[in-house]
């Protein structure tokens, strides 16, 4: 299982989750070149180790376990994965 960043992150992009992630699987960070152009942050489903640290750090409750994503936000599961597929050189 992995975690997913959902709709509440849009426009907020609080980077608290990036600071606590032990495997650096949440991007963009404020130092990434695409920080300004992205409307939200994303979790890499291949790298996430399910540690739960990001969930506790998120001030807008935007992060949920993949199997607990509400039906109206299911598209965010693919949005998170697609962001990382587009970053592959």
N, C-alpha and C. Protein backbone atom coordinates (compact mmCIF):
# COMPACT_ATOMS: atom_id res chain seq x y z
N UNK A 1 0.84 -1.18 0.00
CA UNK A 1 0.00 0.00 0.00
C UNK A 1 0.89 1.24 0.00
N UNK A 2 0.37 2.30 -0.54
CA UNK A 2 1.07 3.58 -0.57
C UNK A 2 0.12 4.67 -0.11
N UNK A 3 0.65 5.85 0.08
CA UNK A 3 -0.18 6.99 0.43
C UNK A 3 -0.39 7.85 -0.81
N UNK A 4 -1.45 8.64 -0.80
CA UNK A 4 -1.84 9.46 -1.94
C UNK A 4 -2.14 10.87 -1.43
N UNK A 5 -1.67 11.86 -2.18
CA UNK A 5 -2.01 13.25 -1.87
C UNK A 5 -3.23 13.62 -2.71
N UNK A 6 -4.25 14.11 -2.02
CA UNK A 6 -5.55 14.36 -2.63
C UNK A 6 -5.87 15.86 -2.76
N UNK A 7 -7.08 16.14 -3.16
CA UNK A 7 -7.56 17.48 -3.49
C UNK A 7 -7.25 18.59 -2.48
N UNK A 8 -7.31 18.36 -1.17
CA UNK A 8 -7.04 19.47 -0.24
C UNK A 8 -5.66 20.11 -0.40
N UNK A 9 -4.74 19.44 -1.07
CA UNK A 9 -3.40 20.00 -1.27
C UNK A 9 -3.38 21.04 -2.38
N UNK A 10 -4.33 21.01 -3.28
CA UNK A 10 -4.33 21.91 -4.44
C UNK A 10 -4.33 23.37 -3.96
N UNK A 11 -3.34 24.10 -4.46
CA UNK A 11 -3.21 25.50 -4.12
C UNK A 11 -2.56 25.77 -2.78
N UNK A 12 -2.42 24.75 -1.94
CA UNK A 12 -1.83 24.93 -0.61
C UNK A 12 -0.34 24.59 -0.66
N UNK A 13 -0.03 23.42 -1.13
CA UNK A 13 1.34 22.92 -1.25
C UNK A 13 2.18 23.20 -0.01
N UNK A 14 1.64 22.92 1.16
CA UNK A 14 2.43 23.03 2.38
C UNK A 14 3.48 21.93 2.34
N UNK A 15 4.73 22.27 2.44
CA UNK A 15 5.82 21.31 2.26
C UNK A 15 6.20 20.57 3.54
N UNK A 16 5.38 20.63 4.56
CA UNK A 16 5.69 19.93 5.81
C UNK A 16 5.91 18.44 5.58
N UNK A 17 5.13 17.86 4.67
CA UNK A 17 5.25 16.43 4.41
C UNK A 17 6.60 16.09 3.77
N UNK A 18 7.13 16.98 2.94
CA UNK A 18 8.41 16.71 2.29
C UNK A 18 9.54 16.69 3.30
N UNK A 19 9.40 17.47 4.35
CA UNK A 19 10.44 17.58 5.37
C UNK A 19 10.53 16.34 6.25
N UNK A 20 9.43 15.60 6.41
CA UNK A 20 9.44 14.45 7.31
C UNK A 20 9.58 13.11 6.59
N UNK A 21 9.48 13.11 5.28
CA UNK A 21 9.54 11.86 4.52
C UNK A 21 10.96 11.28 4.57
N UNK A 22 11.12 10.08 5.14
CA UNK A 22 12.46 9.52 5.28
C UNK A 22 13.06 8.99 3.97
N UNK A 23 12.25 8.83 2.92
CA UNK A 23 12.76 8.31 1.66
C UNK A 23 12.64 9.32 0.51
N UNK A 24 12.31 10.56 0.83
CA UNK A 24 12.27 11.64 -0.17
C UNK A 24 11.38 11.28 -1.35
N UNK A 25 10.18 10.78 -1.07
CA UNK A 25 9.29 10.36 -2.16
C UNK A 25 8.14 11.33 -2.41
N UNK A 26 8.21 12.54 -1.86
CA UNK A 26 7.16 13.54 -2.07
C UNK A 26 7.78 14.74 -2.80
N UNK A 27 7.18 15.04 -3.95
CA UNK A 27 7.68 16.15 -4.78
C UNK A 27 6.51 16.84 -5.45
N UNK A 28 6.68 18.01 -5.95
CA UNK A 28 7.91 18.78 -5.91
C UNK A 28 8.12 19.38 -4.52
N UNK A 29 9.37 19.65 -4.22
CA UNK A 29 9.72 20.38 -3.00
C UNK A 29 9.94 21.83 -3.41
N UNK A 30 10.00 22.74 -2.46
CA UNK A 30 10.21 24.14 -2.81
C UNK A 30 11.51 24.40 -3.60
N UNK A 31 12.46 23.48 -3.54
CA UNK A 31 13.71 23.67 -4.29
C UNK A 31 13.70 22.98 -5.65
N UNK A 32 12.64 22.24 -5.98
CA UNK A 32 12.53 21.59 -7.29
C UNK A 32 12.19 22.63 -8.36
N UNK A 33 12.71 22.46 -9.57
CA UNK A 33 12.45 23.44 -10.62
C UNK A 33 10.98 23.56 -11.02
N UNK A 34 10.19 22.52 -10.80
CA UNK A 34 8.78 22.59 -11.19
C UNK A 34 7.84 22.97 -10.04
N UNK A 35 8.38 23.46 -8.94
CA UNK A 35 7.58 23.83 -7.77
C UNK A 35 6.45 24.80 -8.15
N UNK A 36 6.77 25.86 -8.84
CA UNK A 36 5.78 26.89 -9.18
C UNK A 36 4.71 26.39 -10.14
N UNK A 37 5.07 25.54 -11.07
CA UNK A 37 4.10 25.11 -12.08
C UNK A 37 3.15 24.01 -11.61
N UNK A 38 3.48 23.31 -10.55
CA UNK A 38 2.60 22.25 -10.04
C UNK A 38 1.59 22.82 -9.06
N UNK A 39 0.35 22.36 -9.14
CA UNK A 39 -0.69 22.87 -8.25
C UNK A 39 -0.79 22.12 -6.93
N UNK A 40 -0.10 20.99 -6.83
CA UNK A 40 -0.13 20.20 -5.61
C UNK A 40 1.15 19.39 -5.51
N UNK A 41 1.31 18.67 -4.41
CA UNK A 41 2.44 17.76 -4.21
C UNK A 41 1.98 16.35 -4.54
N UNK A 42 2.95 15.45 -4.78
CA UNK A 42 2.63 14.08 -5.18
C UNK A 42 3.53 13.10 -4.43
N UNK A 43 3.01 11.91 -4.16
CA UNK A 43 3.78 10.84 -3.53
C UNK A 43 4.08 9.78 -4.56
N UNK A 44 5.34 9.38 -4.63
CA UNK A 44 5.78 8.34 -5.56
C UNK A 44 5.31 6.98 -5.03
N UNK A 45 4.39 6.31 -5.72
CA UNK A 45 3.87 5.04 -5.21
C UNK A 45 4.91 3.91 -5.20
N UNK A 46 5.96 4.06 -5.98
CA UNK A 46 7.01 3.03 -6.02
C UNK A 46 7.99 3.19 -4.87
N UNK A 47 8.15 4.41 -4.36
CA UNK A 47 9.14 4.69 -3.33
C UNK A 47 8.56 4.77 -1.92
N UNK A 48 7.28 5.04 -1.81
CA UNK A 48 6.64 5.19 -0.50
C UNK A 48 6.80 3.92 0.33
N UNK A 49 7.21 4.09 1.59
CA UNK A 49 7.41 2.94 2.48
C UNK A 49 6.30 2.82 3.52
N UNK A 50 5.23 3.57 3.34
CA UNK A 50 4.06 3.49 4.22
C UNK A 50 4.38 3.79 5.68
N UNK A 51 5.23 4.76 5.91
CA UNK A 51 5.64 5.06 7.29
C UNK A 51 4.64 5.93 8.04
N UNK A 52 3.74 6.63 7.32
CA UNK A 52 2.70 7.45 7.93
C UNK A 52 3.19 8.83 8.39
N UNK A 53 4.46 9.13 8.26
CA UNK A 53 4.99 10.41 8.74
C UNK A 53 4.33 11.59 8.03
N UNK A 54 4.10 11.46 6.73
CA UNK A 54 3.51 12.55 5.96
C UNK A 54 2.07 12.83 6.38
N UNK A 55 1.35 11.80 6.74
CA UNK A 55 -0.05 11.96 7.14
C UNK A 55 -0.13 12.86 8.37
N UNK A 56 0.72 12.60 9.32
CA UNK A 56 0.74 13.38 10.56
C UNK A 56 1.19 14.82 10.31
N UNK A 57 2.07 15.04 9.34
CA UNK A 57 2.62 16.36 9.07
C UNK A 57 1.71 17.25 8.24
N UNK A 58 0.79 16.68 7.49
CA UNK A 58 -0.04 17.46 6.58
C UNK A 58 -1.07 18.29 7.34
N UNK A 59 -1.01 19.63 7.23
CA UNK A 59 -1.93 20.47 7.99
C UNK A 59 -3.35 20.55 7.40
N UNK A 60 -3.53 20.04 6.18
CA UNK A 60 -4.85 20.12 5.54
C UNK A 60 -5.49 18.75 5.32
N UNK A 61 -4.93 17.72 5.92
CA UNK A 61 -5.47 16.36 5.82
C UNK A 61 -5.66 15.92 4.37
N UNK A 62 -4.66 16.19 3.54
CA UNK A 62 -4.74 15.84 2.13
C UNK A 62 -4.22 14.45 1.82
N UNK A 63 -3.57 13.79 2.79
CA UNK A 63 -2.90 12.53 2.52
C UNK A 63 -3.66 11.38 3.16
N UNK A 64 -3.97 10.37 2.33
CA UNK A 64 -4.65 9.18 2.82
C UNK A 64 -3.97 7.94 2.26
N UNK A 65 -4.20 6.83 2.93
CA UNK A 65 -3.74 5.55 2.39
C UNK A 65 -4.51 5.29 1.09
N UNK A 66 -3.85 4.67 0.14
CA UNK A 66 -4.48 4.43 -1.16
C UNK A 66 -5.82 3.71 -1.04
N UNK A 67 -5.89 2.75 -0.13
CA UNK A 67 -7.14 1.99 0.01
C UNK A 67 -8.21 2.75 0.80
N UNK A 68 -7.89 3.96 1.25
CA UNK A 68 -8.86 4.77 1.98
C UNK A 68 -9.21 6.07 1.25
N UNK A 69 -8.74 6.21 0.03
CA UNK A 69 -9.06 7.42 -0.75
C UNK A 69 -10.57 7.43 -1.02
N UNK A 70 -11.24 8.53 -0.68
CA UNK A 70 -12.67 8.60 -0.94
C UNK A 70 -12.97 8.45 -2.44
N UNK A 71 -14.09 7.87 -2.79
CA UNK A 71 -14.43 7.65 -4.19
C UNK A 71 -14.30 8.91 -5.07
N UNK A 72 -14.70 10.05 -4.53
CA UNK A 72 -14.64 11.27 -5.33
C UNK A 72 -13.21 11.74 -5.61
N UNK A 73 -12.24 11.16 -4.95
CA UNK A 73 -10.83 11.52 -5.15
C UNK A 73 -10.01 10.39 -5.78
N UNK A 74 -10.64 9.34 -6.25
CA UNK A 74 -9.89 8.21 -6.82
C UNK A 74 -8.96 8.63 -7.96
N UNK A 75 -9.29 9.68 -8.68
CA UNK A 75 -8.42 10.13 -9.77
C UNK A 75 -7.05 10.57 -9.26
N UNK A 76 -6.95 10.91 -8.00
CA UNK A 76 -5.67 11.35 -7.44
C UNK A 76 -4.68 10.20 -7.30
N UNK A 77 -5.15 8.98 -7.24
CA UNK A 77 -4.25 7.83 -7.21
C UNK A 77 -3.42 7.82 -8.49
N UNK A 78 -4.08 7.98 -9.62
CA UNK A 78 -3.39 8.02 -10.91
C UNK A 78 -2.59 9.31 -11.07
N UNK A 79 -3.10 10.43 -10.59
CA UNK A 79 -2.38 11.70 -10.72
C UNK A 79 -1.02 11.64 -10.01
N UNK A 80 -0.99 11.02 -8.83
CA UNK A 80 0.28 10.88 -8.11
C UNK A 80 1.25 10.02 -8.90
N UNK A 81 0.80 8.88 -9.39
CA UNK A 81 1.66 7.98 -10.16
C UNK A 81 2.11 8.63 -11.46
N UNK A 82 1.21 9.33 -12.14
CA UNK A 82 1.53 9.96 -13.43
C UNK A 82 2.61 11.02 -13.29
N UNK A 83 2.59 11.75 -12.19
CA UNK A 83 3.62 12.78 -11.97
C UNK A 83 5.01 12.14 -12.00
N UNK A 84 5.15 10.99 -11.36
CA UNK A 84 6.47 10.34 -11.32
C UNK A 84 6.82 9.66 -12.65
N UNK A 85 5.85 9.17 -13.38
CA UNK A 85 6.14 8.62 -14.70
C UNK A 85 6.66 9.72 -15.62
N UNK A 86 6.15 10.92 -15.47
CA UNK A 86 6.58 12.02 -16.34
C UNK A 86 7.97 12.52 -15.97
N UNK A 87 8.44 12.22 -14.78
CA UNK A 87 9.77 12.67 -14.33
C UNK A 87 10.89 11.72 -14.74
N UNK A 88 10.55 10.54 -15.20
CA UNK A 88 11.57 9.56 -15.58
C UNK A 88 12.29 10.05 -16.83
N UNK A 89 13.62 10.12 -16.76
CA UNK A 89 14.37 10.63 -17.92
C UNK A 89 14.28 9.74 -19.13
